[in-house]
Amino acid sequence: MPSDNPFDHNDIDDVIHGRLRLGIMAYLTSVSPAVFGELKEKVGATDGNLSTHLRKLEEAGYVRIEKRFVGKRPQTRVFLTDEGRAGWLAWLGRMQSLMRAAE
């Protein structure tokens, strides 16, 4: 349950709040699914770094990873889940509350 204290930072979702994960979530809210290579380019990550952060988002239920073949080439697609969208909106709400309180 969110705090009534507008400066309380304890209910900020740490899974989303990490810099790279924040970029991933922001991009996926406008483009879902995103192909791994496209996402990597948009957020400026390496393969390994992006994979690590996607795994954390997947474990939280925020993204779903789908691996398939397009022709003979493997393709990884990343989908934002309903839970991920709800988490993103909650994170945005918390940030907006902090900004309003600081005005």
Protein backbone atom coordinates (compact mmCIF):
# COMPACT_ATOMS: atom_id res chain seq x y z
CA MET A 1 0.00 0.00 0.00
CA PRO A 2 1.42 3.39 -0.99
CA SER A 3 2.43 5.74 1.79
CA ASP A 4 0.55 8.97 2.51
CA ASN A 5 3.93 10.68 2.90
CA PRO A 6 4.70 12.20 -0.53
CA PHE A 7 8.46 12.00 0.17
CA ASP A 8 8.44 8.31 1.15
CA HIS A 9 10.71 6.47 -1.24
CA ASN A 10 10.20 3.01 0.31
CA ASP A 11 7.42 1.97 -2.06
CA ILE A 12 9.40 2.70 -5.23
CA ASP A 13 9.68 -0.56 -7.18
CA ASP A 14 13.41 -1.36 -7.21
CA VAL A 15 12.96 -3.85 -10.04
CA ILE A 16 11.80 -1.08 -12.36
CA HIS A 17 13.88 1.72 -10.84
CA GLY A 18 17.25 0.37 -12.00
CA ARG A 19 18.52 2.61 -14.82
CA LEU A 20 18.61 0.02 -17.61
CA ARG A 21 15.39 -1.68 -16.47
CA LEU A 22 13.73 1.73 -16.43
CA GLY A 23 14.71 2.25 -20.07
CA ILE A 24 13.51 -1.23 -20.99
CA MET A 25 10.13 -0.69 -19.34
CA ALA A 26 9.71 2.75 -20.90
CA TYR A 27 10.45 1.40 -24.37
CA LEU A 28 8.19 -1.62 -23.97
CA THR A 29 5.23 0.56 -23.00
CA SER A 30 5.28 1.96 -26.53
CA VAL A 31 6.62 -1.04 -28.45
CA SER A 32 5.59 -4.49 -27.28
CA PRO A 33 6.80 -6.88 -28.36
CA ALA A 34 10.29 -5.66 -29.07
CA VAL A 35 12.91 -7.78 -30.78
CA PHE A 36 16.01 -8.27 -28.60
CA GLY A 37 18.39 -6.52 -31.04
CA GLU A 38 16.07 -3.53 -31.40
CA LEU A 39 15.68 -3.24 -27.62
CA LYS A 40 19.44 -3.56 -27.13
CA GLU A 41 20.03 -0.69 -29.55
CA LYS A 42 17.33 1.56 -28.08
CA VAL A 43 18.54 1.24 -24.48
CA GLY A 44 22.25 1.14 -25.32
CA ALA A 45 23.03 -2.19 -23.67
CA THR A 46 25.31 -5.12 -24.40
CA ASP A 47 23.86 -8.58 -25.04
CA GLY A 48 24.87 -9.87 -21.62
CA ASN A 49 23.77 -6.80 -19.71
CA LEU A 50 20.38 -6.71 -21.42
CA SER A 51 19.88 -10.44 -20.83
CA THR A 52 20.62 -10.05 -17.12
CA HIS A 53 18.15 -7.19 -16.70
CA LEU A 54 15.47 -8.91 -18.78
CA ARG A 55 15.81 -11.97 -16.56
CA LYS A 56 15.16 -9.83 -13.48
CA LEU A 57 12.10 -8.25 -15.12
CA GLU A 58 10.89 -11.69 -16.22
CA GLU A 59 11.29 -13.10 -12.68
CA ALA A 60 9.14 -10.20 -11.41
CA GLY A 61 6.49 -11.07 -14.01
CA TYR A 62 6.90 -7.74 -15.81
CA VAL A 63 8.03 -9.14 -19.16
CA ARG A 64 7.57 -12.35 -21.09
CA ILE A 65 10.36 -13.66 -23.31
CA GLU A 66 9.55 -15.61 -26.45
CA LYS A 67 12.21 -17.35 -28.51
CA ARG A 68 11.40 -18.44 -32.04
CA PHE A 69 12.91 -18.79 -35.48
CA VAL A 70 12.32 -16.41 -38.36
CA GLY A 71 13.43 -18.39 -41.34
CA LYS A 72 16.60 -20.05 -40.06
CA ARG A 73 17.55 -17.26 -37.69
CA PRO A 74 16.72 -17.28 -33.98
CA GLN A 75 14.72 -14.32 -32.72
CA THR A 76 13.99 -13.29 -29.14
CA ARG A 77 10.94 -11.13 -28.57
CA VAL A 78 10.17 -9.30 -25.33
CA PHE A 79 6.58 -8.60 -24.34
CA LEU A 80 5.38 -6.28 -21.57
CA THR A 81 2.89 -8.20 -19.42
CA ASP A 82 -0.26 -6.79 -17.82
CA GLU A 83 1.55 -6.98 -14.49
CA GLY A 84 4.45 -5.08 -16.04
CA ARG A 85 2.16 -2.34 -17.32
CA ALA A 86 0.54 -2.04 -13.88
CA GLY A 87 3.97 -1.89 -12.22
CA TRP A 88 5.11 0.76 -14.68
CA LEU A 89 2.01 2.89 -14.05
CA ALA A 90 2.50 2.56 -10.28
CA TRP A 91 6.16 3.59 -10.65
CA LEU A 92 5.15 6.60 -12.75
CA GLY A 93 2.52 7.56 -10.18
CA ARG A 94 5.09 7.42 -7.39
CA MET A 95 7.55 9.58 -9.33
CA GLN A 96 4.79 12.11 -10.11
CA SER A 97 3.86 12.23 -6.43
CA LEU A 98 7.48 12.90 -5.47
CA MET A 99 7.78 15.64 -8.07
CA ARG A 100 4.54 17.35 -6.98
CA ALA A 101 5.66 17.24 -3.36
CA ALA A 102 8.96 18.90 -4.27
CA GLU A 103 7.37 21.87 -6.07
